Amino acid sequence: MDLIQLLVGGVATGCVYGLVALGFVLIYKATEGVNFAQGDMMMLGAFIALGLVNSDHLGLAFIPGVALAAVLMGGVGYGIDRFVVRQIFGQPQFALVILTIALGFVLRFIAGSIWGYSPLVLETPFAGRNLSMGGVNISLADIVTILVTALLTVALWGFFAYTRIGLAAQAASQNQMAAYIVGVPVRRINSIIWALSGMVATVAGVLYASKGAIDPNIGLLGIKAFAAAVIGGFGSLPGALLGGILIGVVEPLAARYLPGGFSQMSPYIIMLAVLVTRPNGLFAQMHAKKV
């Protein structure tokens, strides 16, 4: 029974990692750039939701409050691309890496200045509630996390596979200049993808906050999410989710059955093993560029 509870909790935690990893993949699929501030966008989204939902703040109903937080973070993501990232358009990808690392520090400072650095708890309708299944008590927050993550992953896959914006984003990632020449509004598409990434980060932040307290430093979870994206294969939405779940399951099992310290190292051990054996990731979707 303990093992089943560990597995369910690990899958739920892995879903949060996977959602943050999806943010990495979204921006990579559109721009072939990596946003190392994705974890901090998740953190800021969680705090915005807290400010809208908690009774000692605005006290909105949970679902409308979370939806509004996602919209606001979509605006933040759009603004980051429009007024910050776009200024280095055409520069080497290394410039984006440095820029987004610095942006992460700025977002942590902003969150700390507004909400402080002490842990806060997001009020959710399923906090502290459990379901009993065959003698196993499963947190309702874990079930909601798994279901929401599965639905969001399918929706994002459909977005890139079947919508004009999603197809245009993939065309832009193949060759931005060629896409621009044939009429794809590359810069606007990039901003839309950044906005979508901010909204996904907000959902991840709310799901993470439903399982415990939050503070500005939870943005560092983005490092594990980056490992999940590498394990799954950059460019693969299902791969990002499965990479996150793999890390989420291995961590509690390592903490339970292996010597101390292995739990913290396990995501990076897995990442190194994958990079050595399958450099493109477990579920890579690598294609030759059309020029």
C-alpha atoms as a PDB file:
ATOM      1  CA  MET A   1       0.000   0.000   0.000  1.00  0.00           C
ATOM      2  CA  ASP A   2       2.849   2.377   0.838  1.00  0.00           C
ATOM      3  CA  LEU A   3       4.430   1.657  -2.529  1.00  0.00           C
ATOM      4  CA  ILE A   4       1.175   2.464  -4.348  1.00  0.00           C
ATOM      5  CA  GLN A   5       0.864   5.758  -2.477  1.00  0.00           C
ATOM      6  CA  LEU A   6       4.470   6.599  -3.302  1.00  0.00           C
ATOM      7  CA  LEU A   7       3.826   5.876  -6.972  1.00  0.00           C
ATOM      8  CA  VAL A   8       0.641   7.944  -7.157  1.00  0.00           C
ATOM      9  CA  GLY A   9       2.262  10.863  -5.328  1.00  0.00           C
ATOM     10  CA  GLY A  10       5.319  10.552  -7.559  1.00  0.00           C
ATOM     11  CA  VAL A  11       3.213  10.590 -10.730  1.00  0.00           C
ATOM     12  CA  ALA A  12       1.389  13.712  -9.516  1.00  0.00           C
ATOM     13  CA  THR A  13       4.645  15.492  -8.695  1.00  0.00           C
ATOM     14  CA  GLY A  14       6.050  14.347 -12.022  1.00  0.00           C
ATOM     15  CA  CYS A  15       3.039  15.887 -13.767  1.00  0.00           C
ATOM     16  CA  VAL A  16       4.009  19.276 -12.318  1.00  0.00           C
ATOM     17  CA  TYR A  17       7.574  18.779 -13.566  1.00  0.00           C
ATOM     18  CA  GLY A  18       6.114  17.748 -16.910  1.00  0.00           C
ATOM     19  CA  LEU A  19       3.945  20.855 -17.195  1.00  0.00           C
ATOM     20  CA  VAL A  20       6.919  23.121 -16.569  1.00  0.00           C
ATOM     21  CA  ALA A  21       8.870  21.044 -19.081  1.00  0.00           C
ATOM     22  CA  LEU A  22       6.017  21.599 -21.550  1.00  0.00           C
ATOM     23  CA  GLY A  23       6.722  25.317 -21.235  1.00  0.00           C
ATOM     24  CA  PHE A  24      10.321  24.675 -22.260  1.00  0.00           C
ATOM     25  CA  VAL A  25       9.162  22.588 -25.209  1.00  0.00           C
ATOM     26  CA  LEU A  26       6.529  25.110 -26.348  1.00  0.00           C
ATOM     27  CA  ILE A  27       9.088  27.878 -26.735  1.00  0.00           C
ATOM     28  CA  TYR A  28      11.659  25.512 -28.227  1.00  0.00           C
ATOM     29  CA  LYS A  29       9.185  24.235 -30.826  1.00  0.00           C
ATOM     30  CA  ALA A  30       8.462  27.810 -31.913  1.00  0.00           C
ATOM     31  CA  THR A  31      11.863  29.487 -31.634  1.00  0.00           C
ATOM     32  CA  GLU A  32      14.455  26.762 -30.974  1.00  0.00           C
ATOM     33  CA  GLY A  33      15.359  28.810 -27.910  1.00  0.00           C
ATOM     34  CA  VAL A  34      15.360  27.729 -24.261  1.00  0.00           C
ATOM     35  CA  ASN A  35      13.613  29.823 -21.610  1.00  0.00           C
ATOM     36  CA  PHE A  36      15.472  29.220 -18.356  1.00  0.00           C
ATOM     37  CA  ALA A  37      12.987  31.481 -16.557  1.00  0.00           C
ATOM     38  CA  GLN A  38      10.170  28.961 -17.085  1.00  0.00           C
ATOM     39  CA  GLY A  39      10.296  27.753 -13.479  1.00  0.00           C
ATOM     40  CA  ASP A  40      10.115  31.338 -12.236  1.00  0.00           C
ATOM     41  CA  MET A  41       7.132  32.008 -14.496  1.00  0.00           C
ATOM     42  CA  MET A  42       5.482  29.028 -12.799  1.00  0.00           C
ATOM     43  CA  MET A  43       6.299  30.568  -9.413  1.00  0.00           C
ATOM     44  CA  LEU A  44       4.902  33.972 -10.383  1.00  0.00           C
ATOM     45  CA  GLY A  45       1.741  32.381 -11.793  1.00  0.00           C
ATOM     46  CA  ALA A  46       1.187  30.549  -8.501  1.00  0.00           C
ATOM     47  CA  PHE A  47       1.564  33.783  -6.523  1.00  0.00           C
ATOM     48  CA  ILE A  48      -0.796  35.688  -8.833  1.00  0.00           C
ATOM     49  CA  ALA A  49      -3.382  32.920  -8.378  1.00  0.00           C
ATOM     50  CA  LEU A  50      -2.855  33.113  -4.605  1.00  0.00           C
ATOM     51  CA  GLY A  51      -3.382  36.868  -4.677  1.00  0.00           C
ATOM     52  CA  LEU A  52      -6.642  36.451  -6.578  1.00  0.00           C
ATOM     53  CA  VAL A  53      -8.075  33.400  -4.788  1.00  0.00           C
ATOM     54  CA  ASN A  54      -7.078  33.518  -1.112  1.00  0.00           C
ATOM     55  CA  SER A  55      -9.665  34.947   1.261  1.00  0.00           C
ATOM     56  CA  ASP A  56      -7.185  37.379   2.829  1.00  0.00           C
ATOM     57  CA  HIS A  57      -6.502  38.831  -0.630  1.00  0.00           C
ATOM     58  CA  LEU A  58      -9.125  39.349  -3.369  1.00  0.00           C
ATOM     59  CA  GLY A  59     -11.049  36.180  -2.482  1.00  0.00           C
ATOM     60  CA  LEU A  60     -12.303  35.237  -5.950  1.00  0.00           C
ATOM     61  CA  ALA A  61     -13.831  31.824  -6.613  1.00  0.00           C
ATOM     62  CA  PHE A  62     -11.129  29.244  -7.306  1.00  0.00           C
ATOM     63  CA  ILE A  63     -11.703  28.400 -10.986  1.00  0.00           C
ATOM     64  CA  PRO A  64     -12.376  31.993 -12.165  1.00  0.00           C
ATOM     65  CA  GLY A  65      -9.415  33.173 -10.101  1.00  0.00           C
ATOM     66  CA  VAL A  66      -7.078  30.609 -11.623  1.00  0.00           C
ATOM     67  CA  ALA A  67      -8.385  31.388 -15.119  1.00  0.00           C
ATOM     68  CA  LEU A  68      -7.749  35.105 -14.570  1.00  0.00           C
ATOM     69  CA  ALA A  69      -4.268  34.348 -13.225  1.00  0.00           C
ATOM     70  CA  ALA A  70      -3.527  32.312 -16.363  1.00  0.00           C
ATOM     71  CA  VAL A  71      -4.695  35.187 -18.567  1.00  0.00           C
ATOM     72  CA  LEU A  72      -2.548  37.669 -16.636  1.00  0.00           C
ATOM     73  CA  MET A  73       0.490  35.400 -16.919  1.00  0.00           C
ATOM     74  CA  GLY A  74      -0.251  35.024 -20.608  1.00  0.00           C
ATOM     75  CA  GLY A  75       0.038  38.799 -20.796  1.00  0.00           C
ATOM     76  CA  VAL A  76       3.313  38.666 -18.865  1.00  0.00           C
ATOM     77  CA  GLY A  77       4.680  36.043 -21.253  1.00  0.00           C
ATOM     78  CA  TYR A  78       3.581  38.075 -24.270  1.00  0.00           C
ATOM     79  CA  GLY A  79       5.174  41.197 -22.809  1.00  0.00           C
ATOM     80  CA  ILE A  80       8.443  39.409 -22.046  1.00  0.00           C
ATOM     81  CA  ASP A  81       8.780  38.379 -25.667  1.00  0.00           C
ATOM     82  CA  ARG A  82       7.500  41.656 -27.115  1.00  0.00           C
ATOM     83  CA  PHE A  83       9.597  44.040 -25.047  1.00  0.00           C
ATOM     84  CA  VAL A  84      12.572  41.954 -23.861  1.00  0.00           C
ATOM     85  CA  VAL A  85      13.302  38.862 -25.971  1.00  0.00           C
ATOM     86  CA  ARG A  86      12.491  40.566 -29.264  1.00  0.00           C
ATOM     87  CA  GLN A  87      15.301  43.041 -28.648  1.00  0.00           C
ATOM     88  CA  ILE A  88      17.824  40.240 -29.229  1.00  0.00           C
ATOM     89  CA  PHE A  89      16.012  38.826 -32.278  1.00  0.00           C
ATOM     90  CA  GLY A  90      18.594  37.345 -34.651  1.00  0.00           C
ATOM     91  CA  GLN A  91      21.289  37.026 -31.985  1.00  0.00           C
ATOM     92  CA  PRO A  92      22.906  33.672 -31.065  1.00  0.00           C
ATOM     93  CA  GLN A  93      20.825  31.391 -28.844  1.00  0.00           C
ATOM     94  CA  PHE A  94      23.382  31.834 -26.068  1.00  0.00           C
ATOM     95  CA  ALA A  95      22.122  35.419 -25.678  1.00  0.00           C
ATOM     96  CA  LEU A  96      18.610  34.109 -24.936  1.00  0.00           C
ATOM     97  CA  VAL A  97      19.997  31.697 -22.331  1.00  0.00           C
ATOM     98  CA  ILE A  98      21.757  34.502 -20.446  1.00  0.00           C
ATOM     99  CA  LEU A  99      18.760  36.812 -20.809  1.00  0.00           C
ATOM    100  CA  THR A 100      16.267  34.303 -19.408  1.00  0.00           C
ATOM    101  CA  ILE A 101      18.542  33.340 -16.505  1.00  0.00           C
ATOM    102  CA  ALA A 102      18.717  37.028 -15.553  1.00  0.00           C
ATOM    103  CA  LEU A 103      14.956  37.317 -16.052  1.00  0.00           C
ATOM    104  CA  GLY A 104      14.444  34.511 -13.532  1.00  0.00           C
ATOM    105  CA  PHE A 105      16.285  36.505 -10.866  1.00  0.00           C
ATOM    106  CA  VAL A 106      14.118  39.540 -11.663  1.00  0.00           C
ATOM    107  CA  LEU A 107      10.868  37.549 -11.363  1.00  0.00           C
ATOM    108  CA  ARG A 108      11.971  36.094  -8.006  1.00  0.00           C
ATOM    109  CA  PHE A 109      12.777  39.596  -6.755  1.00  0.00           C
ATOM    110  CA  ILE A 110       9.379  40.912  -7.897  1.00  0.00           C
ATOM    111  CA  ALA A 111       7.496  38.056  -6.211  1.00  0.00           C
ATOM    112  CA  GLY A 112       9.496  38.446  -3.009  1.00  0.00           C
ATOM    113  CA  SER A 113       8.895  42.195  -2.938  1.00  0.00           C
ATOM    114  CA  ILE A 114       5.116  41.779  -3.302  1.00  0.00           C
ATOM    115  CA  TRP A 115       4.333  38.602  -1.354  1.00  0.00           C
ATOM    116  CA  GLY A 116       7.430  38.271   0.835  1.00  0.00           C
ATOM    117  CA  TYR A 117       9.781  35.334   1.227  1.00  0.00           C
ATOM    118  CA  SER A 118       7.870  33.363   3.861  1.00  0.00           C
ATOM    119  CA  PRO A 119       6.017  30.238   2.635  1.00  0.00           C
ATOM    120  CA  LEU A 120       2.351  30.868   1.792  1.00  0.00           C
ATOM    121  CA  VAL A 121      -0.493  28.425   1.185  1.00  0.00           C
ATOM    122  CA  LEU A 122      -2.907  28.643  -1.744  1.00  0.00           C
ATOM    123  CA  GLU A 123      -6.520  27.998  -0.740  1.00  0.00           C
ATOM    124  CA  THR A 124      -7.922  25.251  -2.975  1.00  0.00           C
ATOM    125  CA  PRO A 125     -11.263  23.373  -2.805  1.00  0.00           C
ATOM    126  CA  PHE A 126      -9.480  20.012  -2.665  1.00  0.00           C
ATOM    127  CA  ALA A 127      -6.827  20.779  -0.036  1.00  0.00           C
ATOM    128  CA  GLY A 128      -6.571  18.098   2.642  1.00  0.00           C
ATOM    129  CA  ARG A 129      -9.163  15.854   0.997  1.00  0.00           C
ATOM    130  CA  ASN A 130      -8.419  12.198   0.274  1.00  0.00           C
ATOM    131  CA  LEU A 131     -10.070   9.366  -1.589  1.00  0.00           C
ATOM    132  CA  SER A 132      -9.889   5.804  -0.288  1.00  0.00           C
ATOM    133  CA  MET A 133      -9.422   3.160  -2.969  1.00  0.00           C
ATOM    134  CA  GLY A 134      -8.900  -0.416  -1.891  1.00  0.00           C
ATOM    135  CA  GLY A 135      -7.399   0.628   1.413  1.00  0.00           C
ATOM    136  CA  VAL A 136      -5.114   3.194  -0.207  1.00  0.00           C
ATOM    137  CA  ASN A 137      -5.669   6.845   0.656  1.00  0.00           C
ATOM    138  CA  ILE A 138      -4.956   9.012  -2.377  1.00  0.00           C
ATOM    139  CA  SER A 139      -4.866  12.779  -2.166  1.00  0.00           C
ATOM    140  CA  LEU A 140      -7.570  14.491  -4.218  1.00  0.00           C
ATOM    141  CA  ALA A 141      -4.954  17.088  -5.161  1.00  0.00           C
ATOM    142  CA  ASP A 142      -2.860  14.316  -6.754  1.00  0.00           C
ATOM    143  CA  ILE A 143      -5.829  13.042  -8.778  1.00  0.00           C
ATOM    144  CA  VAL A 144      -6.704  16.548  -9.983  1.00  0.00           C
ATOM    145  CA  THR A 145      -3.056  17.162 -10.920  1.00  0.00           C
ATOM    146  CA  ILE A 146      -2.870  13.986 -13.011  1.00  0.00           C
ATOM    147  CA  LEU A 147      -6.187  14.612 -14.801  1.00  0.00           C
ATOM    148  CA  VAL A 148      -5.502  18.284 -15.559  1.00  0.00           C
ATOM    149  CA  THR A 149      -2.019  17.481 -16.829  1.00  0.00           C
ATOM    150  CA  ALA A 150      -3.291  14.749 -19.153  1.00  0.00           C
ATOM    151  CA  LEU A 151      -6.003  17.015 -20.592  1.00  0.00           C
ATOM    152  CA  LEU A 152      -3.634  19.943 -21.058  1.00  0.00           C
ATOM    153  CA  THR A 153      -1.008  17.791 -22.785  1.00  0.00           C
ATOM    154  CA  VAL A 154      -3.582  16.452 -25.262  1.00  0.00           C
ATOM    155  CA  ALA A 155      -4.871  19.985 -25.898  1.00  0.00           C
ATOM    156  CA  LEU A 156      -1.363  21.319 -26.577  1.00  0.00           C
ATOM    157  CA  TRP A 157      -0.565  18.408 -28.889  1.00  0.00           C
ATOM    158  CA  GLY A 158      -3.736  19.140 -30.827  1.00  0.00           C
ATOM    159  CA  PHE A 159      -2.850  22.845 -30.916  1.00  0.00           C
ATOM    160  CA  PHE A 160       0.486  22.194 -32.631  1.00  0.00           C
ATOM    161  CA  ALA A 161      -0.822  19.427 -34.868  1.00  0.00           C
ATOM    162  CA  TYR A 162      -4.045  20.942 -36.180  1.00  0.00           C
ATOM    163  CA  THR A 163      -4.269  24.716 -35.659  1.00  0.00           C
ATOM    164  CA  ARG A 164      -2.898  27.337 -38.035  1.00  0.00           C
ATOM    165  CA  ILE A 165      -0.963  29.075 -35.248  1.00  0.00           C
ATOM    166  CA  GLY A 166       0.579  25.805 -34.108  1.00  0.00           C
ATOM    167  CA  LEU A 167       1.611  24.831 -37.628  1.00  0.00           C
ATOM    168  CA  ALA A 168       2.964  28.346 -38.233  1.00  0.00           C
ATOM    169  CA  ALA A 169       4.992  28.107 -35.025  1.00  0.00           C
ATOM    170  CA  GLN A 170       6.572  24.846 -36.190  1.00  0.00           C
ATOM    171  CA  ALA A 171       7.308  26.372 -39.592  1.00  0.00           C
ATOM    172  CA  ALA A 172       8.994  29.334 -37.908  1.00  0.00           C
ATOM    173  CA  SER A 173      11.162  27.013 -35.817  1.00  0.00           C
ATOM    174  CA  GLN A 174      12.274  25.177 -38.969  1.00  0.00           C
ATOM    175  CA  ASN A 175      13.436  28.338 -40.707  1.00  0.00           C
ATOM    176  CA  GLN A 176      12.373  31.744 -39.421  1.00  0.00           C
ATOM    177  CA  MET A 177      13.514  33.654 -42.517  1.00  0.00           C
ATOM    178  CA  ALA A 178      11.760  31.288 -44.932  1.00  0.00           C
ATOM    179  CA  ALA A 179       8.586  31.388 -42.827  1.00  0.00           C
ATOM    180  CA  TYR A 180       8.700  35.192 -42.824  1.00  0.00           C
ATOM    181  CA  ILE A 181       9.121  35.312 -46.595  1.00  0.00           C
ATOM    182  CA  VAL A 182       6.047  33.143 -47.215  1.00  0.00           C
ATOM    183  CA  GLY A 183       3.912  35.350 -44.977  1.00  0.00           C
ATOM    184  CA  VAL A 184       4.129  33.815 -41.505  1.00  0.00           C
ATOM    185  CA  PRO A 185       4.106  36.632 -38.881  1.00  0.00           C
ATOM    186  CA  VAL A 186       7.080  35.131 -37.055  1.00  0.00           C
ATOM    187  CA  ARG A 187       7.426  37.716 -34.318  1.00  0.00           C
ATOM    188  CA  ARG A 188       3.724  37.697 -33.480  1.00  0.00           C
ATOM    189  CA  ILE A 189       3.691  33.891 -33.439  1.00  0.00           C
ATOM    190  CA  ASN A 190       6.645  33.863 -31.053  1.00  0.00           C
ATOM    191  CA  SER A 191       4.843  36.274 -28.706  1.00  0.00           C
ATOM    192  CA  ILE A 192       1.711  34.107 -28.767  1.00  0.00           C
ATOM    193  CA  ILE A 193       3.757  31.026 -27.877  1.00  0.00           C
ATOM    194  CA  TRP A 194       5.406  32.887 -24.991  1.00  0.00           C
ATOM    195  CA  ALA A 195       1.936  33.873 -23.780  1.00  0.00           C
ATOM    196  CA  LEU A 196       0.777  30.249 -24.009  1.00  0.00           C
ATOM    197  CA  SER A 197       3.874  29.171 -22.117  1.00  0.00           C
ATOM    198  CA  GLY A 198       3.021  31.638 -19.337  1.00  0.00           C
ATOM    199  CA  MET A 199      -0.491  30.230 -19.084  1.00  0.00           C
ATOM    200  CA  VAL A 200       0.782  26.648 -18.875  1.00  0.00           C
ATOM    201  CA  ALA A 201       3.273  27.755 -16.208  1.00  0.00           C
ATOM    202  CA  THR A 202       0.400  29.202 -14.172  1.00  0.00           C
ATOM    203  CA  VAL A 203      -1.493  25.898 -14.249  1.00  0.00           C
ATOM    204  CA  ALA A 204       1.688  24.107 -13.146  1.00  0.00           C
ATOM    205  CA  GLY A 205       2.183  26.624 -10.335  1.00  0.00           C
ATOM    206  CA  VAL A 206      -1.377  26.225  -9.065  1.00  0.00           C
ATOM    207  CA  LEU A 207      -1.114  22.424  -9.112  1.00  0.00           C
ATOM    208  CA  TYR A 208       2.221  22.620  -7.279  1.00  0.00           C
ATOM    209  CA  ALA A 209       0.749  25.028  -4.708  1.00  0.00           C
ATOM    210  CA  SER A 210      -2.190  22.657  -4.119  1.00  0.00           C
ATOM    211  CA  LYS A 211       0.288  20.155  -2.686  1.00  0.00           C
ATOM    212  CA  GLY A 212       2.158  22.481  -0.315  1.00  0.00           C
ATOM    213  CA  ALA A 213       3.364  25.963   0.536  1.00  0.00           C
ATOM    214  CA  ILE A 214       5.036  28.232  -2.006  1.00  0.00           C
ATOM    215  CA  ASP A 215       7.777  30.849  -1.819  1.00  0.00           C
ATOM    216  CA  PRO A 216       9.822  32.708  -4.478  1.00  0.00           C
ATOM    217  CA  ASN A 217      12.477  29.998  -4.539  1.00  0.00           C
ATOM    218  CA  ILE A 218      10.153  27.319  -5.934  1.00  0.00           C
ATOM    219  CA  GLY A 219      11.112  28.680  -9.342  1.00  0.00           C
ATOM    220  CA  LEU A 220      14.297  26.631  -9.025  1.00  0.00           C
ATOM    221  CA  LEU A 221      12.092  23.606  -9.737  1.00  0.00           C
ATOM    222  CA  GLY A 222      12.604  24.647 -13.336  1.00  0.00           C
ATOM    223  CA  ILE A 223      16.016  22.943 -13.224  1.00  0.00           C
ATOM    224  CA  LYS A 224      14.343  19.567 -12.700  1.00  0.00           C
ATOM    225  CA  ALA A 225      11.801  20.407 -15.374  1.00  0.00           C
ATOM    226  CA  PHE A 226      14.633  21.178 -17.788  1.00  0.00           C
ATOM    227  CA  ALA A 227      16.074  17.744 -17.005  1.00  0.00           C
ATOM    228  CA  ALA A 228      12.642  16.254 -17.735  1.00  0.00           C
ATOM    229  CA  ALA A 229      12.508  18.025 -21.112  1.00  0.00           C
ATOM    230  CA  VAL A 230      15.984  16.722 -21.983  1.00  0.00           C
ATOM    231  CA  ILE A 231      15.056  13.191 -20.935  1.00  0.00           C
ATOM    232  CA  GLY A 232      11.846  13.236 -22.961  1.00  0.00           C
ATOM    233  CA  GLY A 233      13.445  14.957 -25.931  1.00  0.00           C
ATOM    234  CA  PHE A 234      13.161  18.630 -26.768  1.00  0.00           C
ATOM    235  CA  GLY A 235      10.396  19.114 -29.301  1.00  0.00           C
ATOM    236  CA  SER A 236       8.208  16.303 -27.952  1.00  0.00           C
ATOM    237  CA  LEU A 237       5.231  17.342 -25.830  1.00  0.00           C
ATOM    238  CA  PRO A 238       4.404  13.786 -24.655  1.00  0.00           C
ATOM    239  CA  GLY A 239       8.121  13.244 -24.085  1.00  0.00           C
ATOM    240  CA  ALA A 240       8.310  16.256 -21.749  1.00  0.00           C
ATOM    241  CA  LEU A 241       5.390  14.924 -19.715  1.00  0.00           C
ATOM    242  CA  LEU A 242       6.764  11.379 -19.552  1.00  0.00           C
ATOM    243  CA  GLY A 243      10.208  12.693 -18.625  1.00  0.00           C
ATOM    244  CA  GLY A 244       8.640  14.638 -15.764  1.00  0.00           C
ATOM    245  CA  ILE A 245       6.693  11.607 -14.569  1.00  0.00           C
ATOM    246  CA  LEU A 246       9.847   9.473 -14.690  1.00  0.00           C
ATOM    247  CA  ILE A 247      11.666  11.941 -12.455  1.00  0.00           C
ATOM    248  CA  GLY A 248       8.663  12.331 -10.171  1.00  0.00           C
ATOM    249  CA  VAL A 249       8.385   8.565  -9.628  1.00  0.00           C
ATOM    250  CA  VAL A 250      12.104   7.905  -9.197  1.00  0.00           C
ATOM    251  CA  GLU A 251      12.617  10.646  -6.587  1.00  0.00           C
ATOM    252  CA  PRO A 252      10.354   9.255  -3.805  1.00  0.00           C
ATOM    253  CA  LEU A 253      11.443   5.677  -4.523  1.00  0.00           C
ATOM    254  CA  ALA A 254      15.100   6.708  -4.245  1.00  0.00           C
ATOM    255  CA  ALA A 255      14.362   8.587  -1.028  1.00  0.00           C
ATOM    256  CA  ARG A 256      12.633   5.514   0.411  1.00  0.00           C
ATOM    257  CA  TYR A 257      14.890   2.686  -0.705  1.00  0.00           C
ATOM    258  CA  LEU A 258      18.324   4.211  -1.439  1.00  0.00           C
ATOM    259  CA  PRO A 259      20.887   5.975   0.769  1.00  0.00           C
ATOM    260  CA  GLY A 260      20.449   9.667   1.506  1.00  0.00           C
ATOM    261  CA  GLY A 261      21.311  12.067  -1.282  1.00  0.00           C
ATOM    262  CA  PHE A 262      20.313   9.805  -4.154  1.00  0.00           C
ATOM    263  CA  SER A 263      16.852  11.347  -4.300  1.00  0.00           C
ATOM    264  CA  GLN A 264      18.250  14.813  -5.042  1.00  0.00           C
ATOM    265  CA  MET A 265      20.724  13.464  -7.590  1.00  0.00           C
ATOM    266  CA  SER A 266      18.368  11.056  -9.363  1.00  0.00           C
ATOM    267  CA  PRO A 267      16.967  13.518 -11.968  1.00  0.00           C
ATOM    268  CA  TYR A 268      20.427  14.450 -13.142  1.00  0.00           C
ATOM    269  CA  ILE A 269      21.720  10.867 -13.080  1.00  0.00           C
ATOM    270  CA  ILE A 270      18.815   9.892 -15.342  1.00  0.00           C
ATOM    271  CA  MET A 271      19.473  12.887 -17.594  1.00  0.00           C
ATOM    272  CA  LEU A 272      23.145  11.986 -17.959  1.00  0.00           C
ATOM    273  CA  ALA A 273      22.289   8.357 -18.698  1.00  0.00           C
ATOM    274  CA  VAL A 274      19.816   9.426 -21.399  1.00  0.00           C
ATOM    275  CA  LEU A 275      22.256  11.901 -22.942  1.00  0.00           C
ATOM    276  CA  VAL A 276      24.922   9.195 -23.174  1.00  0.00           C
ATOM    277  CA  THR A 277      22.662   6.518 -24.647  1.00  0.00           C
ATOM    278  CA  ARG A 278      20.085   8.604 -26.557  1.00  0.00           C
ATOM    279  CA  PRO A 279      21.396  12.169 -27.048  1.00  0.00           C
ATOM    280  CA  ASN A 280      18.128  13.319 -28.628  1.00  0.00           C
ATOM    281  CA  GLY A 281      16.008  12.087 -25.717  1.00  0.00           C
ATOM    282  CA  LEU A 282      13.731   9.112 -25.210  1.00  0.00           C
ATOM    283  CA  PHE A 283      10.915  10.458 -27.383  1.00  0.00           C
ATOM    284  CA  ALA A 284      12.778  12.861 -29.623  1.00  0.00           C
ATOM    285  CA  GLN A 285      11.069  14.286 -32.661  1.00  0.00           C
ATOM    286  CA  MET A 286      14.092  15.392 -34.638  1.00  0.00           C
ATOM    287  CA  HIS A 287      13.508  16.269 -38.279  1.00  0.00           C
ATOM    288  CA  ALA A 288      15.740  17.560 -41.002  1.00  0.00           C
ATOM    289  CA  LYS A 289      15.274  21.283 -41.533  1.00  0.00           C
ATOM    290  CA  LYS A 290      13.722  22.429 -44.786  1.00  0.00           C
ATOM    291  CA  VAL A 291      15.724  25.244 -46.344  1.00  0.00           C
END
